[in-house]
Amino acid sequence: MAMRSDVDHLPVARAYSCPGGWFASRMSTSSASRLAKICWAGVPVSEFVLIHGAGTGAWLWDDFAEVLRGRGHEVLAPSLVGVGERISEGGPATRLSDHIDQVCEVIGVHRVTVVGFSYGGLVAAGVGERIPDQISMLVYLDAFLPVDGMSMFDLLPVPVRDSIQAAAEATGDGWRIPPMPLDRLGGIGSVGEGVDGDKVVALLSRRGPHPIGTYREVMTVRNPATQTIPRVYITCTEHPANDPMSVVTERARADGMPVYDIDTGHFPMLTKPIELADLLERLV
């Protein structure tokens, strides 16, 4: 299975990051066929594509991805154009569809479980629309859910949308959305055993701007084949009062999606990585 890689010397059956580039694996078709038959400690090996949220980057998944790799899974975690490690490649014209195109290219001909976090839920949904036969499961991780004909801004409460647009005008030349203050997200919430909360907070200080065009482009959700993809929703339970994610969680339940809880704040890959990895393994 051919995968785009910026680092040709990397060994087979691993996924790596390279500064400002893609996360990619190097696997031949025969290697992938063998891999599909392997179990790691009784758990079938899976391939995960992890999509970060607004203003972060592939770095958000670094430690969590190593947890999954340590259990034998393949992990791809691209930095989206105009965000994180690829921030210099974005601009006022960067759109949601650019991020969807990018992830589809990363997946290539693989069959994968796609995990979309926060804003990344819309990217994951768009990927499912484009290449449904290559998606074994869509996992929405405390993520926004798509609505046909609506944009990310349309999914947000009007006061939140207005404050985001005002902040972009004030500090980001009208198109760079500054990161949401961590206290407005309710802080990091509870942390798992062995997790240093101070280090989590320090890591999240890396969050940066996000291109506003991705929030303005409307979604198209009309491919009937997408409805055959198994979908699950993982909600983080420690959100502040009146947080928009509580509405999204209820919508997931109303849509008949299985909903699973993790008792932490909005960044479970950092605060409860073992619990999240255990849950993903049970789901796939």
C-alpha atoms as a PDB file:
ATOM      1  CA  MET A   1       0.000   0.000   0.000  1.00  0.00           C
ATOM      2  CA  ALA A   2       1.676   3.159  -1.115  1.00  0.00           C
ATOM      3  CA  MET A   3       1.792   5.962   1.433  1.00  0.00           C
ATOM      4  CA  ARG A   4       3.191   9.429   0.967  1.00  0.00           C
ATOM      5  CA  SER A   5       6.270   9.876   3.171  1.00  0.00           C
ATOM      6  CA  ASP A   6       8.745  12.685   3.592  1.00  0.00           C
ATOM      7  CA  VAL A   7      11.328  10.348   5.093  1.00  0.00           C
ATOM      8  CA  ASP A   8      12.184   7.393   2.887  1.00  0.00           C
ATOM      9  CA  HIS A   9      14.713   5.864   5.264  1.00  0.00           C
ATOM     10  CA  LEU A  10      12.231   5.133   8.039  1.00  0.00           C
ATOM     11  CA  PRO A  11      11.623   1.456   8.851  1.00  0.00           C
ATOM     12  CA  VAL A  12       8.545  -0.559   7.976  1.00  0.00           C
ATOM     13  CA  ALA A  13       5.424  -0.799  10.164  1.00  0.00           C
ATOM     14  CA  ARG A  14       5.863   2.382  12.188  1.00  0.00           C
ATOM     15  CA  ALA A  15       4.411   5.850  11.940  1.00  0.00           C
ATOM     16  CA  TYR A  16       6.659   8.839  12.503  1.00  0.00           C
ATOM     17  CA  SER A  17       6.527  12.596  12.509  1.00  0.00           C
ATOM     18  CA  CYS A  18       8.805  14.890  10.605  1.00  0.00           C
ATOM     19  CA  PRO A  19       8.933  18.644  11.238  1.00  0.00           C
ATOM     20  CA  GLY A  20       6.321  20.464   9.195  1.00  0.00           C
ATOM     21  CA  GLY A  21       5.448  17.324   7.251  1.00  0.00           C
ATOM     22  CA  TRP A  22       3.253  14.274   7.181  1.00  0.00           C
ATOM     23  CA  PHE A  23       3.078  11.318   9.559  1.00  0.00           C
ATOM     24  CA  ALA A  24       3.371   8.300   7.321  1.00  0.00           C
ATOM     25  CA  SER A  25       4.161   4.607   7.374  1.00  0.00           C
ATOM     26  CA  ARG A  26       6.152   2.550   4.941  1.00  0.00           C
ATOM     27  CA  MET A  27       4.327  -0.675   4.187  1.00  0.00           C
ATOM     28  CA  SER A  28       4.193  -2.830   1.108  1.00  0.00           C
ATOM     29  CA  THR A  29       0.964  -4.631   0.165  1.00  0.00           C
ATOM     30  CA  SER A  30       2.367  -7.933   1.408  1.00  0.00           C
ATOM     31  CA  SER A  31       3.457  -6.373   4.702  1.00  0.00           C
ATOM     32  CA  ALA A  32       0.012  -4.900   5.202  1.00  0.00           C
ATOM     33  CA  SER A  33      -1.629  -8.248   4.463  1.00  0.00           C
ATOM     34  CA  ARG A  34       0.544  -9.939   7.076  1.00  0.00           C
ATOM     35  CA  LEU A  35      -0.123  -7.126   9.518  1.00  0.00           C
ATOM     36  CA  ALA A  36      -3.871  -7.624   9.248  1.00  0.00           C
ATOM     37  CA  LYS A  37      -3.459 -11.153  10.621  1.00  0.00           C
ATOM     38  CA  ILE A  38      -1.331 -10.193  13.608  1.00  0.00           C
ATOM     39  CA  CYS A  39      -2.695  -9.840  17.109  1.00  0.00           C
ATOM     40  CA  TRP A  40      -0.871  -7.975  19.846  1.00  0.00           C
ATOM     41  CA  ALA A  41      -1.561  -9.466  23.294  1.00  0.00           C
ATOM     42  CA  GLY A  42      -4.835 -10.838  21.943  1.00  0.00           C
ATOM     43  CA  VAL A  43      -5.944  -7.515  20.431  1.00  0.00           C
ATOM     44  CA  PRO A  44      -6.125  -7.326  16.611  1.00  0.00           C
ATOM     45  CA  VAL A  45      -3.712  -4.788  15.184  1.00  0.00           C
ATOM     46  CA  SER A  46      -5.511  -1.748  13.803  1.00  0.00           C
ATOM     47  CA  GLU A  47      -4.549   1.296  11.785  1.00  0.00           C
ATOM     48  CA  PHE A  48      -5.624   4.609  13.281  1.00  0.00           C
ATOM     49  CA  VAL A  49      -5.696   8.040  11.677  1.00  0.00           C
ATOM     50  CA  LEU A  50      -5.826  10.695  14.399  1.00  0.00           C
ATOM     51  CA  ILE A  51      -7.112  14.142  13.400  1.00  0.00           C
ATOM     52  CA  HIS A  52      -6.346  17.006  15.765  1.00  0.00           C
ATOM     53  CA  GLY A  53      -8.585  19.957  16.548  1.00  0.00           C
ATOM     54  CA  ALA A  54      -8.338  23.695  15.971  1.00  0.00           C
ATOM     55  CA  GLY A  55      -5.085  25.429  16.790  1.00  0.00           C
ATOM     56  CA  THR A  56      -3.126  22.334  17.760  1.00  0.00           C
ATOM     57  CA  GLY A  57      -1.219  19.971  15.468  1.00  0.00           C
ATOM     58  CA  ALA A  58       0.169  16.472  15.200  1.00  0.00           C
ATOM     59  CA  TRP A  59       2.128  17.199  18.396  1.00  0.00           C
ATOM     60  CA  LEU A  60      -1.134  16.862  20.334  1.00  0.00           C
ATOM     61  CA  TRP A  61      -1.110  13.118  19.643  1.00  0.00           C
ATOM     62  CA  ASP A  62       2.611  12.375  20.094  1.00  0.00           C
ATOM     63  CA  ASP A  63       2.509  10.629  23.476  1.00  0.00           C
ATOM     64  CA  PHE A  64      -0.864   9.012  22.889  1.00  0.00           C
ATOM     65  CA  ALA A  65       0.251   7.680  19.516  1.00  0.00           C
ATOM     66  CA  GLU A  66       3.194   6.016  21.233  1.00  0.00           C
ATOM     67  CA  VAL A  67       0.777   4.285  23.614  1.00  0.00           C
ATOM     68  CA  LEU A  68      -1.072   2.794  20.637  1.00  0.00           C
ATOM     69  CA  ARG A  69       2.149   1.876  18.829  1.00  0.00           C
ATOM     70  CA  GLY A  70       3.393   0.217  21.985  1.00  0.00           C
ATOM     71  CA  ARG A  71       0.372  -2.069  21.713  1.00  0.00           C
ATOM     72  CA  GLY A  72       1.238  -2.944  18.115  1.00  0.00           C
ATOM     73  CA  HIS A  73      -1.095  -0.606  16.243  1.00  0.00           C
ATOM     74  CA  GLU A  74      -0.247   1.579  13.248  1.00  0.00           C
ATOM     75  CA  VAL A  75      -0.824   5.303  13.761  1.00  0.00           C
ATOM     76  CA  LEU A  76      -0.971   8.187  11.311  1.00  0.00           C
ATOM     77  CA  ALA A  77      -1.423  11.710  12.683  1.00  0.00           C
ATOM     78  CA  PRO A  78      -1.096  14.475  10.083  1.00  0.00           C
ATOM     79  CA  SER A  79      -0.698  18.128  10.948  1.00  0.00           C
ATOM     80  CA  LEU A  80      -3.413  19.966   9.041  1.00  0.00           C
ATOM     81  CA  VAL A  81      -2.412  22.708   6.626  1.00  0.00           C
ATOM     82  CA  GLY A  82      -2.281  26.121   8.265  1.00  0.00           C
ATOM     83  CA  VAL A  83      -2.168  24.682  11.785  1.00  0.00           C
ATOM     84  CA  GLY A  84       0.505  23.373  14.148  1.00  0.00           C
ATOM     85  CA  GLU A  85       3.645  22.211  12.398  1.00  0.00           C
ATOM     86  CA  ARG A  86       2.239  23.398   9.043  1.00  0.00           C
ATOM     87  CA  ILE A  87       1.058  26.807  10.164  1.00  0.00           C
ATOM     88  CA  SER A  88       3.158  28.645   7.569  1.00  0.00           C
ATOM     89  CA  GLU A  89       1.292  26.869   4.746  1.00  0.00           C
ATOM     90  CA  GLY A  90      -2.105  28.323   5.603  1.00  0.00           C
ATOM     91  CA  GLY A  91      -3.777  31.573   4.708  1.00  0.00           C
ATOM     92  CA  PRO A  92      -7.131  33.330   4.359  1.00  0.00           C
ATOM     93  CA  ALA A  93      -8.142  30.872   1.620  1.00  0.00           C
ATOM     94  CA  THR A  94      -7.508  27.705   3.681  1.00  0.00           C
ATOM     95  CA  ARG A  95     -10.769  25.777   3.908  1.00  0.00           C
ATOM     96  CA  LEU A  96     -12.244  22.726   5.590  1.00  0.00           C
ATOM     97  CA  SER A  97     -12.135  20.893   2.263  1.00  0.00           C
ATOM     98  CA  ASP A  98      -8.350  21.406   2.152  1.00  0.00           C
ATOM     99  CA  HIS A  99      -8.051  19.484   5.399  1.00  0.00           C
ATOM    100  CA  ILE A 100     -10.372  16.759   4.130  1.00  0.00           C
ATOM    101  CA  ASP A 101      -8.336  16.432   0.919  1.00  0.00           C
ATOM    102  CA  GLN A 102      -5.145  16.217   2.942  1.00  0.00           C
ATOM    103  CA  VAL A 103      -6.336  13.401   5.194  1.00  0.00           C
ATOM    104  CA  CYS A 104      -7.737  11.445   2.240  1.00  0.00           C
ATOM    105  CA  GLU A 105      -4.300  11.663   0.608  1.00  0.00           C
ATOM    106  CA  VAL A 106      -2.619  10.465   3.798  1.00  0.00           C
ATOM    107  CA  ILE A 107      -4.923   7.439   4.016  1.00  0.00           C
ATOM    108  CA  GLY A 108      -4.254   6.459   0.406  1.00  0.00           C
ATOM    109  CA  VAL A 109      -5.494   2.906  -0.106  1.00  0.00           C
ATOM    110  CA  HIS A 110      -5.401   1.874   3.553  1.00  0.00           C
ATOM    111  CA  ARG A 111      -8.499   0.848   5.482  1.00  0.00           C
ATOM    112  CA  VAL A 112      -8.404   2.693   8.778  1.00  0.00           C
ATOM    113  CA  THR A 113     -10.212   3.800  11.897  1.00  0.00           C
ATOM    114  CA  VAL A 114     -10.479   7.581  11.811  1.00  0.00           C
ATOM    115  CA  VAL A 115     -10.531   9.463  15.114  1.00  0.00           C
ATOM    116  CA  GLY A 116     -11.626  13.096  14.799  1.00  0.00           C
ATOM    117  CA  PHE A 117     -11.103  15.350  17.801  1.00  0.00           C
ATOM    118  CA  SER A 118     -13.062  18.594  18.361  1.00  0.00           C
ATOM    119  CA  TYR A 119     -13.006  20.540  15.036  1.00  0.00           C
ATOM    120  CA  GLY A 120     -11.374  17.421  13.576  1.00  0.00           C
ATOM    121  CA  GLY A 121     -14.750  15.694  13.787  1.00  0.00           C
ATOM    122  CA  LEU A 122     -15.847  17.677  10.728  1.00  0.00           C
ATOM    123  CA  VAL A 123     -12.675  16.664   8.902  1.00  0.00           C
ATOM    124  CA  ALA A 124     -13.285  13.025   9.822  1.00  0.00           C
ATOM    125  CA  ALA A 125     -16.879  13.244   8.592  1.00  0.00           C
ATOM    126  CA  GLY A 126     -15.715  14.758   5.307  1.00  0.00           C
ATOM    127  CA  VAL A 127     -13.224  11.943   4.850  1.00  0.00           C
ATOM    128  CA  GLY A 128     -16.041   9.462   5.415  1.00  0.00           C
ATOM    129  CA  GLU A 129     -18.040  11.225   2.710  1.00  0.00           C
ATOM    130  CA  ARG A 130     -15.170  10.992   0.225  1.00  0.00           C
ATOM    131  CA  ILE A 131     -13.769   7.499   0.812  1.00  0.00           C
ATOM    132  CA  PRO A 132     -16.318   5.509   2.847  1.00  0.00           C
ATOM    133  CA  ASP A 133     -15.036   2.119   1.674  1.00  0.00           C
ATOM    134  CA  GLN A 134     -11.666   2.814   3.295  1.00  0.00           C
ATOM    135  CA  ILE A 135     -13.054   3.738   6.713  1.00  0.00           C
ATOM    136  CA  SER A 136     -13.641   0.841   9.096  1.00  0.00           C
ATOM    137  CA  MET A 137     -14.978   3.147  11.839  1.00  0.00           C
ATOM    138  CA  LEU A 138     -15.486   6.843  12.533  1.00  0.00           C
ATOM    139  CA  VAL A 139     -14.742   7.829  16.117  1.00  0.00           C
ATOM    140  CA  TYR A 140     -15.840  11.307  17.172  1.00  0.00           C
ATOM    141  CA  LEU A 141     -13.714  12.253  20.172  1.00  0.00           C
ATOM    142  CA  ASP A 142     -15.404  15.124  22.020  1.00  0.00           C
ATOM    143  CA  ALA A 143     -15.957  16.360  18.490  1.00  0.00           C
ATOM    144  CA  PHE A 144     -18.352  18.419  16.447  1.00  0.00           C
ATOM    145  CA  LEU A 145     -20.747  16.467  14.255  1.00  0.00           C
ATOM    146  CA  PRO A 146     -21.545  17.484  10.683  1.00  0.00           C
ATOM    147  CA  VAL A 147     -24.866  18.827   9.485  1.00  0.00           C
ATOM    148  CA  ASP A 148     -25.504  19.020   5.765  1.00  0.00           C
ATOM    149  CA  GLY A 149     -25.360  22.607   4.561  1.00  0.00           C
ATOM    150  CA  MET A 150     -23.927  23.976   7.807  1.00  0.00           C
ATOM    151  CA  SER A 151     -20.465  25.248   8.695  1.00  0.00           C
ATOM    152  CA  MET A 152     -18.491  24.997  11.914  1.00  0.00           C
ATOM    153  CA  PHE A 153     -19.653  28.520  12.742  1.00  0.00           C
ATOM    154  CA  ASP A 154     -23.266  27.436  12.215  1.00  0.00           C
ATOM    155  CA  LEU A 155     -22.776  24.705  14.820  1.00  0.00           C
ATOM    156  CA  LEU A 156     -21.616  27.140  17.493  1.00  0.00           C
ATOM    157  CA  PRO A 157     -23.819  29.320  19.717  1.00  0.00           C
ATOM    158  CA  VAL A 158     -24.052  32.845  18.306  1.00  0.00           C
ATOM    159  CA  PRO A 159     -22.138  34.479  21.207  1.00  0.00           C
ATOM    160  CA  VAL A 160     -19.261  32.015  20.767  1.00  0.00           C
ATOM    161  CA  ARG A 161     -19.195  32.551  17.017  1.00  0.00           C
ATOM    162  CA  ASP A 162     -19.231  36.314  17.426  1.00  0.00           C
ATOM    163  CA  SER A 163     -16.404  36.248  19.977  1.00  0.00           C
ATOM    164  CA  ILE A 164     -14.267  34.061  17.710  1.00  0.00           C
ATOM    165  CA  GLN A 165     -14.758  36.365  14.743  1.00  0.00           C
ATOM    166  CA  ALA A 166     -14.031  39.434  16.864  1.00  0.00           C
ATOM    167  CA  ALA A 167     -10.834  37.867  18.202  1.00  0.00           C
ATOM    168  CA  ALA A 168      -9.684  37.019  14.675  1.00  0.00           C
ATOM    169  CA  GLU A 169     -10.301  40.614  13.614  1.00  0.00           C
ATOM    170  CA  ALA A 170      -8.495  42.012  16.635  1.00  0.00           C
ATOM    171  CA  THR A 171      -5.412  39.801  16.693  1.00  0.00           C
ATOM    172  CA  GLY A 172      -5.286  37.679  13.539  1.00  0.00           C
ATOM    173  CA  ASP A 173      -5.657  39.971  10.520  1.00  0.00           C
ATOM    174  CA  GLY A 174      -9.240  38.836  10.215  1.00  0.00           C
ATOM    175  CA  TRP A 175      -8.429  35.201   9.397  1.00  0.00           C
ATOM    176  CA  ARG A 176      -6.329  33.710  12.198  1.00  0.00           C
ATOM    177  CA  ILE A 177      -8.497  32.448  15.067  1.00  0.00           C
ATOM    178  CA  PRO A 178      -6.536  32.640  18.338  1.00  0.00           C
ATOM    179  CA  PRO A 179      -6.714  29.614  20.636  1.00  0.00           C
ATOM    180  CA  MET A 180      -9.547  29.516  23.134  1.00  0.00           C
ATOM    181  CA  PRO A 181      -8.286  30.275  26.669  1.00  0.00           C
ATOM    182  CA  LEU A 182      -7.915  27.024  28.564  1.00  0.00           C
ATOM    183  CA  ASP A 183     -10.095  28.226  31.431  1.00  0.00           C
ATOM    184  CA  ARG A 184     -12.974  28.798  29.005  1.00  0.00           C
ATOM    185  CA  LEU A 185     -12.682  25.126  28.090  1.00  0.00           C
ATOM    186  CA  GLY A 186     -12.982  24.192  31.758  1.00  0.00           C
ATOM    187  CA  GLY A 187      -9.273  23.528  32.279  1.00  0.00           C
ATOM    188  CA  ILE A 188      -7.784  20.098  31.720  1.00  0.00           C
ATOM    189  CA  GLY A 189     -10.062  18.209  34.109  1.00  0.00           C
ATOM    190  CA  SER A 190      -9.104  15.010  35.922  1.00  0.00           C
ATOM    191  CA  VAL A 191      -5.874  13.280  34.965  1.00  0.00           C
ATOM    192  CA  GLY A 192      -5.032   9.603  34.905  1.00  0.00           C
ATOM    193  CA  GLU A 193      -2.464   7.737  36.945  1.00  0.00           C
ATOM    194  CA  GLY A 194       1.068   8.864  36.134  1.00  0.00           C
ATOM    195  CA  VAL A 195      -0.056  11.970  34.208  1.00  0.00           C
ATOM    196  CA  ASP A 196       1.476  15.293  35.287  1.00  0.00           C
ATOM    197  CA  GLY A 197      -1.228  17.938  35.015  1.00  0.00           C
ATOM    198  CA  ASP A 198       1.291  20.783  34.994  1.00  0.00           C
ATOM    199  CA  LYS A 199       3.018  19.255  31.974  1.00  0.00           C
ATOM    200  CA  VAL A 200      -0.327  18.950  30.202  1.00  0.00           C
ATOM    201  CA  VAL A 201      -1.032  22.632  30.795  1.00  0.00           C
ATOM    202  CA  ALA A 202       2.466  23.533  29.573  1.00  0.00           C
ATOM    203  CA  LEU A 203       2.022  21.453  26.436  1.00  0.00           C
ATOM    204  CA  LEU A 204      -1.303  23.101  25.657  1.00  0.00           C
ATOM    205  CA  SER A 205       0.429  26.468  25.733  1.00  0.00           C
ATOM    206  CA  ARG A 206       1.717  25.449  22.282  1.00  0.00           C
ATOM    207  CA  ARG A 207      -1.741  25.970  20.835  1.00  0.00           C
ATOM    208  CA  GLY A 208      -1.775  28.587  18.119  1.00  0.00           C
ATOM    209  CA  PRO A 209      -4.016  30.197  15.508  1.00  0.00           C
ATOM    210  CA  HIS A 210      -6.395  28.390  13.197  1.00  0.00           C
ATOM    211  CA  PRO A 211      -7.548  29.552   9.720  1.00  0.00           C
ATOM    212  CA  ILE A 212     -11.045  30.993   9.907  1.00  0.00           C
ATOM    213  CA  GLY A 213     -11.970  29.796   6.410  1.00  0.00           C
ATOM    214  CA  THR A 214     -12.256  26.257   7.784  1.00  0.00           C
ATOM    215  CA  TYR A 215     -15.032  27.471  10.090  1.00  0.00           C
ATOM    216  CA  ARG A 216     -16.907  29.221   7.279  1.00  0.00           C
ATOM    217  CA  GLU A 217     -17.088  26.488   4.647  1.00  0.00           C
ATOM    218  CA  VAL A 218     -20.340  24.500   4.779  1.00  0.00           C
ATOM    219  CA  MET A 219     -20.356  20.713   4.983  1.00  0.00           C
ATOM    220  CA  THR A 220     -21.959  18.422   2.430  1.00  0.00           C
ATOM    221  CA  VAL A 221     -23.254  15.223   4.016  1.00  0.00           C
ATOM    222  CA  ARG A 222     -25.139  13.336   1.329  1.00  0.00           C
ATOM    223  CA  ASN A 223     -23.230  10.166   0.470  1.00  0.00           C
ATOM    224  CA  PRO A 224     -25.478   7.214   1.392  1.00  0.00           C
ATOM    225  CA  ALA A 225     -22.435   4.932   1.632  1.00  0.00           C
ATOM    226  CA  THR A 226     -21.236   6.957   4.604  1.00  0.00           C
ATOM    227  CA  GLN A 227     -24.229   5.743   6.601  1.00  0.00           C
ATOM    228  CA  THR A 228     -22.842   2.196   6.501  1.00  0.00           C
ATOM    229  CA  ILE A 229     -19.680   3.193   8.398  1.00  0.00           C
ATOM    230  CA  PRO A 230     -19.856   2.295  12.107  1.00  0.00           C
ATOM    231  CA  ARG A 231     -19.800   5.530  14.121  1.00  0.00           C
ATOM    232  CA  VAL A 232     -19.238   6.080  17.815  1.00  0.00           C
ATOM    233  CA  TYR A 233     -19.019   9.162  20.007  1.00  0.00           C
ATOM    234  CA  ILE A 234     -16.680   9.602  22.970  1.00  0.00           C
ATOM    235  CA  THR A 235     -17.626  12.464  25.245  1.00  0.00           C
ATOM    236  CA  CYS A 236     -15.525  14.062  27.954  1.00  0.00           C
ATOM    237  CA  THR A 237     -17.707  14.625  30.988  1.00  0.00           C
ATOM    238  CA  GLU A 238     -15.879  17.500  32.714  1.00  0.00           C
ATOM    239  CA  HIS A 239     -16.935  20.430  30.560  1.00  0.00           C
ATOM    240  CA  PRO A 240     -18.006  23.779  31.992  1.00  0.00           C
ATOM    241  CA  ALA A 241     -21.693  24.617  32.252  1.00  0.00           C
ATOM    242  CA  ASN A 242     -23.380  25.576  28.976  1.00  0.00           C
ATOM    243  CA  ASP A 243     -20.488  24.176  26.959  1.00  0.00           C
ATOM    244  CA  PRO A 244     -21.469  23.556  23.289  1.00  0.00           C
ATOM    245  CA  MET A 245     -20.147  19.999  23.455  1.00  0.00           C
ATOM    246  CA  SER A 246     -22.996  18.897  25.738  1.00  0.00           C
ATOM    247  CA  VAL A 247     -25.447  19.739  22.958  1.00  0.00           C
ATOM    248  CA  VAL A 248     -23.355  17.778  20.470  1.00  0.00           C
ATOM    249  CA  THR A 249     -23.283  14.762  22.763  1.00  0.00           C
ATOM    250  CA  GLU A 250     -27.070  14.761  23.029  1.00  0.00           C
ATOM    251  CA  ARG A 251     -27.328  15.002  19.267  1.00  0.00           C
ATOM    252  CA  ALA A 252     -25.069  11.956  18.919  1.00  0.00           C
ATOM    253  CA  ARG A 253     -27.398  10.023  21.206  1.00  0.00           C
ATOM    254  CA  ALA A 254     -30.451  11.233  19.282  1.00  0.00           C
ATOM    255  CA  ASP A 255     -28.825  10.044  16.056  1.00  0.00           C
ATOM    256  CA  GLY A 256     -28.502   6.558  17.549  1.00  0.00           C
ATOM    257  CA  MET A 257     -24.747   6.720  17.886  1.00  0.00           C
ATOM    258  CA  PRO A 258     -23.214   4.705  20.752  1.00  0.00           C
ATOM    259  CA  VAL A 259     -21.850   7.227  23.276  1.00  0.00           C
ATOM    260  CA  TYR A 260     -18.991   6.478  25.683  1.00  0.00           C
ATOM    261  CA  ASP A 261     -17.817   8.670  28.565  1.00  0.00           C
ATOM    262  CA  ILE A 262     -14.330   9.586  29.734  1.00  0.00           C
ATOM    263  CA  ASP A 263     -14.217  11.491  33.008  1.00  0.00           C
ATOM    264  CA  THR A 264     -11.830  14.297  32.127  1.00  0.00           C
ATOM    265  CA  GLY A 265     -11.679  17.624  30.312  1.00  0.00           C
ATOM    266  CA  HIS A 266     -11.497  18.338  26.588  1.00  0.00           C
ATOM    267  CA  PHE A 267      -8.057  16.778  25.935  1.00  0.00           C
ATOM    268  CA  PRO A 268      -8.306  13.090  26.919  1.00  0.00           C
ATOM    269  CA  MET A 269      -5.337  12.062  24.754  1.00  0.00           C
ATOM    270  CA  LEU A 270      -3.210  14.088  27.204  1.00  0.00           C
ATOM    271  CA  THR A 271      -5.030  13.662  30.504  1.00  0.00           C
ATOM    272  CA  LYS A 272      -6.222  10.040  30.295  1.00  0.00           C
ATOM    273  CA  PRO A 273      -4.236   8.381  27.494  1.00  0.00           C
ATOM    274  CA  ILE A 274      -4.409   4.842  28.883  1.00  0.00           C
ATOM    275  CA  GLU A 275      -8.155   4.988  29.412  1.00  0.00           C
ATOM    276  CA  LEU A 276      -8.634   6.366  25.894  1.00  0.00           C
ATOM    277  CA  ALA A 277      -6.402   3.710  24.347  1.00  0.00           C
ATOM    278  CA  ASP A 278      -8.255   0.960  26.242  1.00  0.00           C
ATOM    279  CA  LEU A 279     -11.586   2.302  24.982  1.00  0.00           C
ATOM    280  CA  LEU A 280     -10.431   2.539  21.370  1.00  0.00           C
ATOM    281  CA  GLU A 281      -9.171  -1.029  21.477  1.00  0.00           C
ATOM    282  CA  ARG A 282     -12.530  -2.239  22.754  1.00  0.00           C
ATOM    283  CA  LEU A 283     -14.345  -0.329  20.026  1.00  0.00           C
ATOM    284  CA  VAL A 284     -12.297  -1.527  17.059  1.00  0.00           C
END
